C-alpha atoms as a PDB file:
ATOM      1  CA  UNK A   1      11.977  65.676  60.008  1.00  0.00           C
ATOM      2  CA  UNK A   2      10.778  62.099  59.778  1.00  0.00           C
ATOM      3  CA  UNK A   3       7.899  63.199  57.610  1.00  0.00           C
ATOM      4  CA  UNK A   4      10.215  65.085  55.327  1.00  0.00           C
ATOM      5  CA  UNK A   5      12.446  62.039  54.897  1.00  0.00           C
ATOM      6  CA  UNK A   6       9.461  59.827  54.071  1.00  0.00           C
ATOM      7  CA  UNK A   7       8.215  62.250  51.440  1.00  0.00           C
ATOM      8  CA  UNK A   8      11.674  62.329  49.917  1.00  0.00           C
ATOM      9  CA  UNK A   9      11.809  58.519  49.694  1.00  0.00           C
ATOM     10  CA  UNK A  10       8.375  58.369  48.052  1.00  0.00           C
ATOM     11  CA  UNK A  11       9.429  60.946  45.514  1.00  0.00           C
ATOM     12  CA  UNK A  12      12.551  58.946  44.658  1.00  0.00           C
ATOM     13  CA  UNK A  13      10.461  55.796  44.255  1.00  0.00           C
ATOM     14  CA  UNK A  14       8.046  57.587  41.941  1.00  0.00           C
ATOM     15  CA  UNK A  15      10.907  58.918  39.879  1.00  0.00           C
ATOM     16  CA  UNK A  16      12.418  55.416  39.597  1.00  0.00           C
ATOM     17  CA  UNK A  17       9.072  53.917  38.640  1.00  0.00           C
ATOM     18  CA  UNK A  18       8.503  56.629  36.089  1.00  0.00           C
ATOM     19  CA  UNK A  19      11.938  56.082  34.585  1.00  0.00           C
ATOM     20  CA  UNK A  20      11.256  52.285  34.379  1.00  0.00           C
ATOM     21  CA  UNK A  21       7.959  52.779  32.570  1.00  0.00           C
ATOM     22  CA  UNK A  22       9.622  55.238  30.249  1.00  0.00           C
ATOM     23  CA  UNK A  23      12.339  52.724  29.434  1.00  0.00           C
ATOM     24  CA  UNK A  24       9.731  49.976  28.805  1.00  0.00           C
ATOM     25  CA  UNK A  25       7.756  52.296  26.560  1.00  0.00           C
ATOM     26  CA  UNK A  26      10.846  53.160  24.562  1.00  0.00           C
ATOM     27  CA  UNK A  27      11.714  49.458  24.162  1.00  0.00           C
ATOM     28  CA  UNK A  28       8.171  48.702  23.020  1.00  0.00           C
ATOM     29  CA  UNK A  29       8.269  51.519  20.505  1.00  0.00           C
ATOM     30  CA  UNK A  30      11.603  50.278  19.145  1.00  0.00           C
ATOM     31  CA  UNK A  31      10.239  46.700  18.858  1.00  0.00           C
ATOM     32  CA  UNK A  32       7.106  47.819  17.045  1.00  0.00           C
ATOM     33  CA  UNK A  33       9.176  49.966  14.736  1.00  0.00           C
ATOM     34  CA  UNK A  34      11.470  47.043  13.902  1.00  0.00           C
ATOM     35  CA  UNK A  35       8.480  44.771  13.204  1.00  0.00           C
ATOM     36  CA  UNK A  36       6.935  47.420  10.983  1.00  0.00           C
ATOM     37  CA  UNK A  37      10.174  47.788   9.027  1.00  0.00           C
ATOM     38  CA  UNK A  38      10.401  43.976   8.649  1.00  0.00           C
ATOM     39  CA  UNK A  39       6.803  43.826   7.429  1.00  0.00           C
ATOM     40  CA  UNK A  40       7.436  46.580   4.935  1.00  0.00           C
ATOM     41  CA  UNK A  41      10.539  44.778   3.654  1.00  0.00           C
ATOM     42  CA  UNK A  42       8.608  41.513   3.240  1.00  0.00           C
ATOM     43  CA  UNK A  43       5.780  43.301   1.491  1.00  0.00           C
ATOM     44  CA  UNK A  44       8.261  45.004  -0.790  1.00  0.00           C
ATOM     45  CA  UNK A  45       9.922  41.697  -1.634  1.00  0.00           C
ATOM     46  CA  UNK A  46       6.579  40.078  -2.416  1.00  0.00           C
ATOM     47  CA  UNK A  47       5.579  43.005  -4.567  1.00  0.00           C
ATOM     48  CA  UNK A  48       8.933  42.788  -6.333  1.00  0.00           C
ATOM     49  CA  UNK A  49       8.460  39.036  -6.929  1.00  0.00           C
ATOM     50  CA  UNK A  50       4.934  39.605  -8.201  1.00  0.00           C
ATOM     51  CA  UNK A  51       6.126  42.393 -10.472  1.00  0.00           C
ATOM     52  CA  UNK A  52       8.886  40.160 -11.811  1.00  0.00           C
ATOM     53  CA  UNK A  53       6.397  37.349 -12.448  1.00  0.00           C
ATOM     54  CA  UNK A  54       4.158  39.780 -14.293  1.00  0.00           C
ATOM     55  CA  UNK A  55       7.093  40.938 -16.403  1.00  0.00           C
ATOM     56  CA  UNK A  56       8.153  37.374 -17.103  1.00  0.00           C
ATOM     57  CA  UNK A  57       4.621  36.448 -18.061  1.00  0.00           C
ATOM     58  CA  UNK A  58       4.439  39.434 -20.382  1.00  0.00           C
ATOM     59  CA  UNK A  59       7.720  38.463 -22.005  1.00  0.00           C
ATOM     60  CA  UNK A  60       6.570  34.846 -22.440  1.00  0.00           C
ATOM     61  CA  UNK A  61       3.334  35.744 -24.135  1.00  0.00           C
ATOM     62  CA  UNK A  62       1.339  37.227 -21.280  1.00  0.00           C
ATOM     63  CA  UNK A  63      -0.273  33.978 -20.157  1.00  0.00           C
ATOM     64  CA  UNK A  64      -0.536  35.021 -16.527  1.00  0.00           C
ATOM     65  CA  UNK A  65      -1.697  38.562 -17.388  1.00  0.00           C
ATOM     66  CA  UNK A  66      -4.189  37.213 -19.885  1.00  0.00           C
ATOM     67  CA  UNK A  67      -5.614  34.884 -17.262  1.00  0.00           C
ATOM     68  CA  UNK A  68      -5.900  37.673 -14.710  1.00  0.00           C
ATOM     69  CA  UNK A  69      -7.475  39.983 -17.246  1.00  0.00           C
ATOM     70  CA  UNK A  70     -10.032  37.415 -18.297  1.00  0.00           C
ATOM     71  CA  UNK A  71     -11.010  36.827 -14.687  1.00  0.00           C
ATOM     72  CA  UNK A  72     -11.421  40.603 -14.084  1.00  0.00           C
ATOM     73  CA  UNK A  73     -13.631  40.855 -17.166  1.00  0.00           C
ATOM     74  CA  UNK A  74     -15.784  38.042 -15.771  1.00  0.00           C
ATOM     75  CA  UNK A  75     -16.511  40.171 -12.701  1.00  0.00           C
ATOM     76  CA  UNK A  76     -13.816  39.101 -10.230  1.00  0.00           C
ATOM     77  CA  UNK A  77     -11.971  41.681  -8.164  1.00  0.00           C
ATOM     78  CA  UNK A  78      -8.325  42.344  -9.131  1.00  0.00           C
ATOM     79  CA  UNK A  79      -7.062  40.731  -5.902  1.00  0.00           C
ATOM     80  CA  UNK A  80      -9.247  37.644  -6.318  1.00  0.00           C
ATOM     81  CA  UNK A  81      -8.229  37.372  -9.974  1.00  0.00           C
ATOM     82  CA  UNK A  82      -4.526  37.462  -9.031  1.00  0.00           C
ATOM     83  CA  UNK A  83      -4.965  34.829  -6.288  1.00  0.00           C
ATOM     84  CA  UNK A  84      -7.108  32.542  -8.458  1.00  0.00           C
ATOM     85  CA  UNK A  85      -4.713  32.698 -11.392  1.00  0.00           C
ATOM     86  CA  UNK A  86      -1.751  31.996  -9.123  1.00  0.00           C
ATOM     87  CA  UNK A  87      -3.545  29.020  -7.614  1.00  0.00           C
ATOM     88  CA  UNK A  88      -4.291  27.735 -11.103  1.00  0.00           C
ATOM     89  CA  UNK A  89      -0.617  27.978 -12.029  1.00  0.00           C
ATOM     90  CA  UNK A  90       0.346  26.024  -8.910  1.00  0.00           C
ATOM     91  CA  UNK A  91      -2.207  23.329  -9.792  1.00  0.00           C
ATOM     92  CA  UNK A  92      -0.807  23.078 -13.312  1.00  0.00           C
ATOM     93  CA  UNK A  93       2.679  22.608 -11.891  1.00  0.00           C
ATOM     94  CA  UNK A  94       1.451  19.841  -9.603  1.00  0.00           C
ATOM     95  CA  UNK A  95      -0.268  18.095 -12.500  1.00  0.00           C
ATOM     96  CA  UNK A  96       2.868  18.356 -14.628  1.00  0.00           C
ATOM     97  CA  UNK A  97       4.883  16.910 -11.765  1.00  0.00           C
ATOM     98  CA  UNK A  98       2.495  13.979 -11.489  1.00  0.00           C
ATOM     99  CA  UNK A  99       2.714  13.399 -15.223  1.00  0.00           C
ATOM    100  CA  UNK A 100       6.482  13.374 -15.074  1.00  0.00           C
ATOM    101  CA  UNK A 101       6.280  10.883 -12.203  1.00  0.00           C
ATOM    102  CA  UNK A 102       3.783   8.515 -13.794  1.00  0.00           C
ATOM    103  CA  UNK A 103       4.546   9.218 -17.402  1.00  0.00           C
ATOM    104  CA  UNK A 104       7.601   9.129 -19.590  1.00  0.00           C
ATOM    105  CA  UNK A 105      10.986   9.241 -17.967  1.00  0.00           C
ATOM    106  CA  UNK A 106      13.306  12.060 -18.845  1.00  0.00           C
ATOM    107  CA  UNK A 107      16.341   9.815 -19.064  1.00  0.00           C
ATOM    108  CA  UNK A 108      18.739   9.395 -21.917  1.00  0.00           C
ATOM    109  CA  UNK A 109      16.469   7.039 -23.818  1.00  0.00           C
ATOM    110  CA  UNK A 110      13.398   9.275 -23.660  1.00  0.00           C
ATOM    111  CA  UNK A 111      11.152   6.217 -23.832  1.00  0.00           C
ATOM    112  CA  UNK A 112       8.246   5.318 -21.586  1.00  0.00           C
ATOM    113  CA  UNK A 113       9.054   3.446 -18.390  1.00  0.00           C
ATOM    114  CA  UNK A 114       8.532  -0.286 -18.853  1.00  0.00           C
ATOM    115  CA  UNK A 115       8.318  -3.306 -16.570  1.00  0.00           C
ATOM    116  CA  UNK A 116      10.418  -6.420 -17.192  1.00  0.00           C
ATOM    117  CA  UNK A 117       8.855  -9.652 -15.934  1.00  0.00           C
ATOM    118  CA  UNK A 118      10.891 -12.891 -15.893  1.00  0.00           C
ATOM    119  CA  UNK A 119       9.518 -16.125 -14.439  1.00  0.00           C
ATOM    120  CA  UNK A 120      10.812 -19.730 -14.472  1.00  0.00           C
ATOM    121  CA  UNK A 121       8.791 -22.827 -13.541  1.00  0.00           C
ATOM    122  CA  UNK A 122       9.432 -26.578 -13.666  1.00  0.00           C
ATOM    123  CA  UNK A 123       6.430 -28.795 -14.466  1.00  0.00           C
ATOM    124  CA  UNK A 124       6.400 -32.560 -14.011  1.00  0.00           C
ATOM    125  CA  UNK A 125       5.099 -33.456 -17.467  1.00  0.00           C
ATOM    126  CA  UNK A 126       6.807 -34.257 -20.791  1.00  0.00           C
ATOM    127  CA  UNK A 127       7.847 -31.309 -22.934  1.00  0.00           C
ATOM    128  CA  UNK A 128       5.307 -32.041 -25.673  1.00  0.00           C
ATOM    129  CA  UNK A 129       2.405 -32.058 -23.192  1.00  0.00           C
ATOM    130  CA  UNK A 130       3.473 -28.742 -21.626  1.00  0.00           C
ATOM    131  CA  UNK A 131       3.770 -27.100 -25.037  1.00  0.00           C
ATOM    132  CA  UNK A 132       0.419 -28.444 -26.253  1.00  0.00           C
ATOM    133  CA  UNK A 133      -1.362 -27.097 -23.178  1.00  0.00           C
ATOM    134  CA  UNK A 134       0.195 -23.663 -23.644  1.00  0.00           C
ATOM    135  CA  UNK A 135      -1.150 -23.394 -27.196  1.00  0.00           C
ATOM    136  CA  UNK A 136      -4.726 -23.944 -25.969  1.00  0.00           C
ATOM    137  CA  UNK A 137      -5.395 -20.207 -25.459  1.00  0.00           C
ATOM    138  CA  UNK A 138      -9.160 -20.616 -25.205  1.00  0.00           C
ATOM    139  CA  UNK A 139      -8.667 -22.699 -22.041  1.00  0.00           C
ATOM    140  CA  UNK A 140      -6.765 -19.974 -20.164  1.00  0.00           C
ATOM    141  CA  UNK A 141      -9.897 -18.350 -18.789  1.00  0.00           C
ATOM    142  CA  UNK A 142     -10.750 -21.612 -17.003  1.00  0.00           C
ATOM    143  CA  UNK A 143      -7.732 -21.710 -14.671  1.00  0.00           C
ATOM    144  CA  UNK A 144      -6.397 -18.116 -14.551  1.00  0.00           C
ATOM    145  CA  UNK A 145      -7.861 -15.088 -12.785  1.00  0.00           C
ATOM    146  CA  UNK A 146      -6.401 -12.437 -15.073  1.00  0.00           C
ATOM    147  CA  UNK A 147      -7.722 -13.822 -18.381  1.00  0.00           C
ATOM    148  CA  UNK A 148     -11.462 -13.419 -18.883  1.00  0.00           C
ATOM    149  CA  UNK A 149     -11.738 -14.665 -22.461  1.00  0.00           C
ATOM    150  CA  UNK A 150      -9.660 -15.360 -25.576  1.00  0.00           C
ATOM    151  CA  UNK A 151     -10.969 -15.506 -29.128  1.00  0.00           C
ATOM    152  CA  UNK A 152      -8.687 -16.795 -31.865  1.00  0.00           C
ATOM    153  CA  UNK A 153      -9.019 -14.895 -35.136  1.00  0.00           C
ATOM    154  CA  UNK A 154      -6.608 -17.106 -37.092  1.00  0.00           C
ATOM    155  CA  UNK A 155      -3.363 -18.989 -36.492  1.00  0.00           C
ATOM    156  CA  UNK A 156      -1.454 -15.723 -35.919  1.00  0.00           C
ATOM    157  CA  UNK A 157      -3.817 -13.247 -34.191  1.00  0.00           C
ATOM    158  CA  UNK A 158      -6.044 -13.476 -31.116  1.00  0.00           C
ATOM    159  CA  UNK A 159      -8.124 -11.103 -28.969  1.00  0.00           C
ATOM    160  CA  UNK A 160      -7.607 -11.162 -25.193  1.00  0.00           C
ATOM    161  CA  UNK A 161      -9.799  -9.656 -22.477  1.00  0.00           C
ATOM    162  CA  UNK A 162      -7.830  -9.265 -19.249  1.00  0.00           C
ATOM    163  CA  UNK A 163      -8.516  -8.089 -15.712  1.00  0.00           C
ATOM    164  CA  UNK A 164      -5.959  -6.620 -13.313  1.00  0.00           C
ATOM    165  CA  UNK A 165      -7.586  -5.500 -10.074  1.00  0.00           C
ATOM    166  CA  UNK A 166     -10.668  -3.425 -10.880  1.00  0.00           C
ATOM    167  CA  UNK A 167      -9.506  -2.638 -14.421  1.00  0.00           C
ATOM    168  CA  UNK A 168     -10.650  -4.589 -17.476  1.00  0.00           C
ATOM    169  CA  UNK A 169      -8.653  -4.220 -20.683  1.00  0.00           C
ATOM    170  CA  UNK A 170      -8.636  -5.664 -24.206  1.00  0.00           C
ATOM    171  CA  UNK A 171      -5.524  -6.524 -26.206  1.00  0.00           C
ATOM    172  CA  UNK A 172      -4.911  -7.814 -29.701  1.00  0.00           C
ATOM    173  CA  UNK A 173      -2.027 -10.291 -29.760  1.00  0.00           C
ATOM    174  CA  UNK A 174       0.071 -11.252 -32.774  1.00  0.00           C
ATOM    175  CA  UNK A 175       2.337 -14.299 -32.783  1.00  0.00           C
ATOM    176  CA  UNK A 176       5.664 -13.404 -34.359  1.00  0.00           C
ATOM    177  CA  UNK A 177       7.476 -16.739 -33.954  1.00  0.00           C
ATOM    178  CA  UNK A 178       6.226 -20.182 -32.982  1.00  0.00           C
ATOM    179  CA  UNK A 179       8.344 -23.327 -33.179  1.00  0.00           C
ATOM    180  CA  UNK A 180       6.745 -26.545 -31.863  1.00  0.00           C
ATOM    181  CA  UNK A 181       8.158 -27.752 -28.527  1.00  0.00           C
ATOM    182  CA  UNK A 182      10.656 -24.868 -28.510  1.00  0.00           C
ATOM    183  CA  UNK A 183       9.390 -21.262 -28.252  1.00  0.00           C
ATOM    184  CA  UNK A 184       6.570 -18.771 -28.831  1.00  0.00           C
ATOM    185  CA  UNK A 185       7.218 -15.040 -29.338  1.00  0.00           C
ATOM    186  CA  UNK A 186       4.357 -12.523 -29.468  1.00  0.00           C
ATOM    187  CA  UNK A 187       3.418  -8.846 -29.279  1.00  0.00           C
ATOM    188  CA  UNK A 188       0.148  -7.283 -28.141  1.00  0.00           C
ATOM    189  CA  UNK A 189      -1.376  -3.833 -28.359  1.00  0.00           C
ATOM    190  CA  UNK A 190      -4.223  -2.226 -26.451  1.00  0.00           C
ATOM    191  CA  UNK A 191      -5.641   1.159 -25.577  1.00  0.00           C
ATOM    192  CA  UNK A 192      -3.905   1.092 -22.183  1.00  0.00           C
ATOM    193  CA  UNK A 193      -0.543  -0.485 -22.964  1.00  0.00           C
ATOM    194  CA  UNK A 194       1.565  -2.830 -25.061  1.00  0.00           C
ATOM    195  CA  UNK A 195       3.485  -6.036 -24.327  1.00  0.00           C
ATOM    196  CA  UNK A 196       6.217  -8.114 -25.901  1.00  0.00           C
ATOM    197  CA  UNK A 197       6.672 -11.660 -24.671  1.00  0.00           C
ATOM    198  CA  UNK A 198       8.594 -14.877 -25.202  1.00  0.00           C
ATOM    199  CA  UNK A 199       8.037 -18.310 -23.655  1.00  0.00           C
ATOM    200  CA  UNK A 200      10.519 -21.164 -24.144  1.00  0.00           C
ATOM    201  CA  UNK A 201      10.288 -24.870 -23.292  1.00  0.00           C
ATOM    202  CA  UNK A 202      13.260 -26.953 -22.110  1.00  0.00           C
ATOM    203  CA  UNK A 203      13.351 -30.691 -21.445  1.00  0.00           C
ATOM    204  CA  UNK A 204      15.087 -31.398 -18.133  1.00  0.00           C
ATOM    205  CA  UNK A 205      14.064 -35.077 -18.045  1.00  0.00           C
ATOM    206  CA  UNK A 206      11.572 -37.260 -19.967  1.00  0.00           C
ATOM    207  CA  UNK A 207       8.813 -36.222 -17.524  1.00  0.00           C
ATOM    208  CA  UNK A 208      10.144 -32.822 -16.388  1.00  0.00           C
ATOM    209  CA  UNK A 209       9.893 -29.594 -18.414  1.00  0.00           C
ATOM    210  CA  UNK A 210      11.226 -26.133 -17.589  1.00  0.00           C
ATOM    211  CA  UNK A 211       9.298 -23.102 -18.906  1.00  0.00           C
ATOM    212  CA  UNK A 212      10.931 -19.656 -19.046  1.00  0.00           C
ATOM    213  CA  UNK A 213       8.568 -16.687 -19.463  1.00  0.00           C
ATOM    214  CA  UNK A 214       9.845 -13.181 -20.326  1.00  0.00           C
ATOM    215  CA  UNK A 215       7.423 -10.247 -20.733  1.00  0.00           C
ATOM    216  CA  UNK A 216       8.103  -6.539 -21.328  1.00  0.00           C
ATOM    217  CA  UNK A 217       5.096  -4.405 -20.375  1.00  0.00           C
ATOM    218  CA  UNK A 218       4.662  -0.737 -21.375  1.00  0.00           C
ATOM    219  CA  UNK A 219       1.690   0.847 -19.551  1.00  0.00           C
ATOM    220  CA  UNK A 220      -0.416   3.700 -20.936  1.00  0.00           C
ATOM    221  CA  UNK A 221      -3.000   5.491 -18.822  1.00  0.00           C
ATOM    222  CA  UNK A 222      -3.158   6.744 -15.248  1.00  0.00           C
ATOM    223  CA  UNK A 223      -4.445   3.537 -13.602  1.00  0.00           C
ATOM    224  CA  UNK A 224      -2.003   1.346 -15.536  1.00  0.00           C
ATOM    225  CA  UNK A 225       0.957   3.551 -14.639  1.00  0.00           C
ATOM    226  CA  UNK A 226      -0.116   3.688 -11.020  1.00  0.00           C
ATOM    227  CA  UNK A 227      -0.492  -0.095 -10.939  1.00  0.00           C
ATOM    228  CA  UNK A 228       2.887  -0.391 -12.622  1.00  0.00           C
ATOM    229  CA  UNK A 229       4.499   1.390  -9.677  1.00  0.00           C
ATOM    230  CA  UNK A 230       3.149  -1.278  -7.338  1.00  0.00           C
ATOM    231  CA  UNK A 231       4.004  -4.062  -9.832  1.00  0.00           C
ATOM    232  CA  UNK A 232       0.356  -5.179  -9.964  1.00  0.00           C
ATOM    233  CA  UNK A 233       0.699  -6.570 -13.488  1.00  0.00           C
ATOM    234  CA  UNK A 234       3.795  -8.572 -12.574  1.00  0.00           C
ATOM    235  CA  UNK A 235       2.125 -10.128  -9.539  1.00  0.00           C
ATOM    236  CA  UNK A 236      -0.968 -11.028 -11.574  1.00  0.00           C
ATOM    237  CA  UNK A 237       1.157 -12.677 -14.279  1.00  0.00           C
ATOM    238  CA  UNK A 238       3.221 -14.557 -11.699  1.00  0.00           C
ATOM    239  CA  UNK A 239       0.125 -15.979  -9.999  1.00  0.00           C
ATOM    240  CA  UNK A 240      -1.483 -17.024 -13.285  1.00  0.00           C
ATOM    241  CA  UNK A 241       1.782 -18.677 -14.363  1.00  0.00           C
ATOM    242  CA  UNK A 242       1.619 -20.804 -11.215  1.00  0.00           C
ATOM    243  CA  UNK A 243      -2.034 -21.533 -11.972  1.00  0.00           C
ATOM    244  CA  UNK A 244      -0.895 -22.886 -15.352  1.00  0.00           C
ATOM    245  CA  UNK A 245       1.611 -25.113 -13.563  1.00  0.00           C
ATOM    246  CA  UNK A 246      -1.119 -26.467 -11.301  1.00  0.00           C
ATOM    247  CA  UNK A 247      -3.562 -26.954 -14.191  1.00  0.00           C
ATOM    248  CA  UNK A 248      -1.114 -28.843 -16.421  1.00  0.00           C
ATOM    249  CA  UNK A 249       0.039 -31.082 -13.570  1.00  0.00           C
ATOM    250  CA  UNK A 250      -3.480 -32.529 -13.195  1.00  0.00           C
ATOM    251  CA  UNK A 251      -4.808 -32.155 -16.756  1.00  0.00           C
ATOM    252  CA  UNK A 252      -5.286 -34.827 -19.403  1.00  0.00           C
ATOM    253  CA  UNK A 253      -1.853 -35.590 -20.896  1.00  0.00           C
ATOM    254  CA  UNK A 254      -3.321 -36.551 -24.302  1.00  0.00           C
ATOM    255  CA  UNK A 255      -4.334 -32.996 -25.237  1.00  0.00           C
ATOM    256  CA  UNK A 256      -3.685 -31.989 -28.849  1.00  0.00           C
ATOM    257  CA  UNK A 257      -2.221 -28.515 -29.229  1.00  0.00           C
ATOM    258  CA  UNK A 258      -1.601 -26.421 -32.299  1.00  0.00           C
ATOM    259  CA  UNK A 259       1.616 -27.763 -33.847  1.00  0.00           C
ATOM    260  CA  UNK A 260       2.050 -25.282 -36.703  1.00  0.00           C
ATOM    261  CA  UNK A 261       5.177 -23.181 -37.264  1.00  0.00           C
ATOM    262  CA  UNK A 262       5.234 -19.366 -37.573  1.00  0.00           C
ATOM    263  CA  UNK A 263       8.130 -17.210 -38.748  1.00  0.00           C
ATOM    264  CA  UNK A 264       8.062 -13.398 -38.923  1.00  0.00           C
ATOM    265  CA  UNK A 265       4.334 -13.324 -38.242  1.00  0.00           C
ATOM    266  CA  UNK A 266       3.453 -15.759 -41.055  1.00  0.00           C
ATOM    267  CA  UNK A 267       2.549 -19.460 -41.012  1.00  0.00           C
ATOM    268  CA  UNK A 268       5.293 -21.418 -42.794  1.00  0.00           C
ATOM    269  CA  UNK A 269       3.997 -24.883 -41.847  1.00  0.00           C
ATOM    270  CA  UNK A 270       0.391 -25.665 -40.945  1.00  0.00           C
ATOM    271  CA  UNK A 271      -0.686 -27.833 -38.053  1.00  0.00           C
ATOM    272  CA  UNK A 272      -1.575 -30.714 -40.387  1.00  0.00           C
ATOM    273  CA  UNK A 273       1.787 -30.582 -42.159  1.00  0.00           C
ATOM    274  CA  UNK A 274       3.770 -30.703 -38.934  1.00  0.00           C
ATOM    275  CA  UNK A 275       1.660 -33.533 -37.493  1.00  0.00           C
ATOM    276  CA  UNK A 276       2.089 -35.561 -40.700  1.00  0.00           C
ATOM    277  CA  UNK A 277       5.852 -35.048 -40.649  1.00  0.00           C
ATOM    278  CA  UNK A 278       6.023 -36.068 -37.003  1.00  0.00           C
ATOM    279  CA  UNK A 279       4.045 -39.238 -37.720  1.00  0.00           C
ATOM    280  CA  UNK A 280       6.365 -40.116 -40.612  1.00  0.00           C
ATOM    281  CA  UNK A 281       9.384 -39.597 -38.385  1.00  0.00           C
ATOM    282  CA  UNK A 282       7.868 -41.824 -35.709  1.00  0.00           C
ATOM    283  CA  UNK A 283       7.148 -44.507 -38.319  1.00  0.00           C
ATOM    284  CA  UNK A 284      10.717 -44.386 -39.632  1.00  0.00           C
ATOM    285  CA  UNK A 285      12.095 -44.596 -36.131  1.00  0.00           C
ATOM    286  CA  UNK A 286       9.849 -47.604 -35.469  1.00  0.00           C
ATOM    287  CA  UNK A 287      11.067 -49.412 -38.621  1.00  0.00           C
ATOM    288  CA  UNK A 288      14.674 -48.698 -37.700  1.00  0.00           C
ATOM    289  CA  UNK A 289      14.027 -50.087 -34.239  1.00  0.00           C
ATOM    290  CA  UNK A 290      12.518 -53.280 -35.674  1.00  0.00           C
ATOM    291  CA  UNK A 291      15.464 -53.671 -38.034  1.00  0.00           C
ATOM    292  CA  UNK A 292      17.911 -53.317 -35.204  1.00  0.00           C
ATOM    293  CA  UNK A 293      16.043 -55.957 -33.213  1.00  0.00           C
ATOM    294  CA  UNK A 294      16.144 -58.435 -36.143  1.00  0.00           C
ATOM    295  CA  UNK A 295      19.867 -57.877 -36.626  1.00  0.00           C
ATOM    296  CA  UNK A 296      20.419 -58.418 -32.930  1.00  0.00           C
ATOM    297  CA  UNK A 297      18.428 -61.667 -33.024  1.00  0.00           C
ATOM    298  CA  UNK A 298      20.423 -62.934 -36.053  1.00  0.00           C
ATOM    299  CA  UNK A 299      23.706 -62.142 -34.342  1.00  0.00           C
ATOM    300  CA  UNK A 300      22.512 -63.884 -31.201  1.00  0.00           C
ATOM    301  CA  UNK A 301      21.544 -67.033 -33.168  1.00  0.00           C
ATOM    302  CA  UNK A 302      24.970 -67.096 -34.900  1.00  0.00           C
ATOM    303  CA  UNK A 303      26.698 -66.884 -31.543  1.00  0.00           C
ATOM    304  CA  UNK A 304      24.680 -69.799 -30.237  1.00  0.00           C
ATOM    305  CA  UNK A 305      25.617 -71.928 -33.276  1.00  0.00           C
ATOM    306  CA  UNK A 306      29.277 -71.053 -32.807  1.00  0.00           C
ATOM    307  CA  UNK A 307      29.078 -72.069 -29.182  1.00  0.00           C
ATOM    308  CA  UNK A 308      27.458 -75.421 -30.050  1.00  0.00           C
ATOM    309  CA  UNK A 309      29.938 -76.365 -32.868  1.00  0.00           C
ATOM    310  CA  UNK A 310      33.012 -77.118 -30.683  1.00  0.00           C
ATOM    311  CA  UNK A 311      30.938 -79.391 -28.472  1.00  0.00           C
ATOM    312  CA  UNK A 312      29.866 -81.506 -31.447  1.00  0.00           C
ATOM    313  CA  UNK A 313      33.470 -81.818 -32.640  1.00  0.00           C
ATOM    314  CA  UNK A 314      34.522 -82.857 -29.158  1.00  0.00           C
ATOM    315  CA  UNK A 315      31.842 -85.482 -29.158  1.00  0.00           C
ATOM    316  CA  UNK A 316      33.097 -86.795 -32.490  1.00  0.00           C
ATOM    317  CA  UNK A 317      36.657 -86.929 -31.153  1.00  0.00           C
ATOM    318  CA  UNK A 318      35.533 -88.758 -28.058  1.00  0.00           C
ATOM    319  CA  UNK A 319      33.668 -91.294 -30.177  1.00  0.00           C
ATOM    320  CA  UNK A 320      36.791 -91.800 -32.360  1.00  0.00           C
ATOM    321  CA  UNK A 321      39.000 -92.315 -29.324  1.00  0.00           C
ATOM    322  CA  UNK A 322      36.608 -94.900 -27.921  1.00  0.00           C
ATOM    323  CA  UNK A 323      36.653 -96.792 -31.274  1.00  0.00           C
ATOM    324  CA  UNK A 324      40.442 -96.838 -31.338  1.00  0.00           C
ATOM    325  CA  UNK A 325      40.573 -98.187 -27.821  1.00  0.00           C
ATOM    326  CA  UNK A 326      38.166-100.991 -28.749  1.00  0.00           C
ATOM    327  CA  UNK A 327      40.256-101.964 -31.793  1.00  0.00           C
ATOM    328  CA  UNK A 328      43.428-102.047 -29.698  1.00  0.00           C
ATOM    329  CA  UNK A 329      41.735-104.291 -27.124  1.00  0.00           C
ATOM    330  CA  UNK A 330      40.616-106.708 -29.894  1.00  0.00           C
ATOM    331  CA  UNK A 331      44.171-106.864 -31.305  1.00  0.00           C
ATOM    332  CA  UNK A 332      45.574-107.641 -27.855  1.00  0.00           C
ATOM    333  CA  UNK A 333      43.121-110.463 -27.418  1.00  0.00           C
ATOM    334  CA  UNK A 334      44.050-112.016 -30.788  1.00  0.00           C
ATOM    335  CA  UNK A 335      47.759-111.923 -29.971  1.00  0.00           C
ATOM    336  CA  UNK A 336      47.065-113.705 -26.722  1.00  0.00           C
END
């Protein structure tokens, strides 16, 4: 009987084990079936998206289909042609995104992104000296790091060779307005950008001048636009502006700058004409100063004479009083 009971227990255990394996197998089959259905759905969605892209491409001129077809004709397999064309489209989108980032902004103005640079410096020299040094463009390459050379074509135009980082660029500058000891306004154009600038000079004290520099820079080209993001041009201009401050502070104060006057891009008064007028004005001021000194001396002499006159009259009165006293004494003696 014991053996019979043991056999019965073993049979129950086998049945339970068999039912457990059966349940596990059924669960595994259900899981695999669900995964297969999910994979089929994903594949169907991708095929639907690809079909829609093909239809859209056909409606828009067949650019995608044309590209795939040309690749198949060149010997590529249909699958490789589809993948290669898709990758090319993705690359084009990335390039367009980069252009939109570094290129023209899509704002309301629709103009290229520009950089505004505003700098103010005080220099301990008279206003005339600061202005004269600024007009010596051919000296800029000696104390700045961004200017390599400047060649003056005439009184209005000049050619500049600049360096910002590893890039070397050439610009042609045109002076629009130039008023001695007051302001200079210019524009410049180059293959990789344009600028508009204005520098003004303000006398704070007889030996202290304030210079205000305003520049609007419009970059053109990949390296220029990339440098514009990091404000490389602004930093270079700021450092060279400080180099100008240092240079002028220790330079010869008797430098002769270009003193002509420009209006609307044309010379209205030459350097010689302005210098001659300034010399005449200085001469007239000198004559007026001498005249004022002579008048002052004449007035001073008249005041001295007026001060001396009452003293002389007092002396005369004193002498008269003394004479009267002597006559009275003589009369008294005679009466006695």
